Amino acid sequence: MRRPYYESINEPGRGGDAPDTPQYKARRLIVEQIKQQRFAQLGLPLSEAWWDREIVPIDWINKQLMADRHRWSVMVVDDEYEFTDSTP
């Protein structure tokens, strides 16, 4: 099986082998809302917010998550978002 951009899927837990977990879906929505707020401030189309990996920096997203008291952060790996629980 190959991704649309022709990289093989060989990492466990990646590549759409199963549906997203409820936790992933919730975190994805939170990050998307944060990004949409920033896009709105910049006057950019909100429909493109999730797919952007450059306009809204990861550091800015993580600062917003901390300000909202979330106990997890986001990073980009292979141009995809991954969520990591913060240590207390």
Protein backbone atom coordinates (compact mmCIF):
# COMPACT_ATOMS: atom_id res chain seq x y z
CA MET A 1 0.00 0.00 0.00
CA ARG A 2 1.30 3.46 -0.84
CA ARG A 3 0.32 6.95 0.16
CA PRO A 4 -0.82 9.27 -2.60
CA TYR A 5 2.68 10.76 -2.74
CA TYR A 6 4.24 7.31 -3.23
CA GLU A 7 5.97 6.72 0.08
CA SER A 8 5.43 3.22 1.36
CA ILE A 9 3.42 2.71 4.53
CA ASN A 10 5.61 0.65 6.81
CA GLU A 11 5.42 2.31 10.22
CA PRO A 12 3.06 0.74 12.77
CA GLY A 13 0.05 2.92 13.53
CA ARG A 14 0.47 5.12 10.46
CA GLY A 15 -1.12 5.20 7.07
CA GLY A 16 -4.79 4.94 7.86
CA ASP A 17 -4.82 1.31 8.93
CA ALA A 18 -7.60 2.04 11.43
CA PRO A 19 -10.06 4.82 12.19
CA ASP A 20 -8.88 7.80 14.23
CA THR A 21 -9.30 7.43 17.99
CA PRO A 22 -11.74 9.76 19.77
CA GLN A 23 -8.76 11.40 21.52
CA TYR A 24 -7.02 12.11 18.20
CA LYS A 25 -10.24 13.52 16.73
CA ALA A 26 -10.73 15.82 19.72
CA ARG A 27 -7.14 17.07 19.62
CA ARG A 28 -7.32 17.57 15.88
CA LEU A 29 -10.42 19.75 16.29
CA ILE A 30 -8.75 21.83 18.99
CA VAL A 31 -5.66 22.43 16.82
CA GLU A 32 -7.82 23.21 13.81
CA GLN A 33 -9.81 25.78 15.83
CA ILE A 34 -6.59 27.42 17.03
CA LYS A 35 -5.33 27.60 13.47
CA GLN A 36 -8.63 28.94 12.17
CA GLN A 37 -8.50 31.75 14.72
CA ARG A 38 -5.06 32.72 13.42
CA PHE A 39 -6.20 32.43 9.80
CA ALA A 40 -9.18 34.71 10.58
CA GLN A 41 -6.83 37.28 12.13
CA LEU A 42 -4.74 37.21 8.94
CA GLY A 43 -7.77 37.30 6.62
CA LEU A 44 -6.98 33.91 5.09
CA PRO A 45 -9.54 31.27 4.00
CA LEU A 46 -10.47 29.12 6.99
CA SER A 47 -10.95 26.02 4.84
CA GLU A 48 -7.18 25.80 4.34
CA ALA A 49 -6.23 26.07 8.03
CA TRP A 50 -5.86 22.36 8.82
CA TRP A 51 -3.60 21.63 5.84
CA ASP A 52 -1.26 24.57 6.48
CA ARG A 53 2.12 23.66 7.98
CA GLU A 54 3.86 27.03 7.53
CA ILE A 55 1.60 30.02 8.21
CA VAL A 56 0.81 29.05 11.82
CA PRO A 57 4.06 27.97 13.52
CA ILE A 58 4.05 24.90 15.78
CA ASP A 59 5.49 26.98 18.64
CA TRP A 60 2.53 29.35 18.40
CA ILE A 61 0.05 26.45 18.45
CA ASN A 62 1.77 24.92 21.48
CA LYS A 63 1.74 28.26 23.32
CA GLN A 64 -2.00 28.50 22.70
CA LEU A 65 -2.47 24.93 23.96
CA MET A 66 -0.53 25.78 27.14
CA ALA A 67 -2.52 28.99 27.62
CA ASP A 68 -5.72 26.94 27.37
CA ARG A 69 -4.28 24.51 29.96
CA HIS A 70 -4.12 21.48 27.70
CA ARG A 71 -1.72 18.79 28.87
CA TRP A 72 -0.46 17.82 25.45
CA SER A 73 1.45 19.38 22.59
CA VAL A 74 1.69 19.03 18.85
CA MET A 75 4.62 18.45 16.52
CA VAL A 76 4.99 17.78 12.80
CA VAL A 77 6.49 14.47 11.69
CA ASP A 78 6.62 13.65 7.98
CA ASP A 79 4.36 16.67 7.31
CA GLU A 80 1.67 15.23 9.61
CA TYR A 81 0.61 16.39 13.07
CA GLU A 82 1.41 14.14 16.01
CA PHE A 83 0.16 14.77 19.53
CA THR A 84 2.23 14.10 22.62
CA ASP A 85 1.09 14.10 26.23
CA SER A 86 3.00 16.56 28.41
CA THR A 87 4.78 15.32 31.49
CA PRO A 88 3.53 16.81 34.77
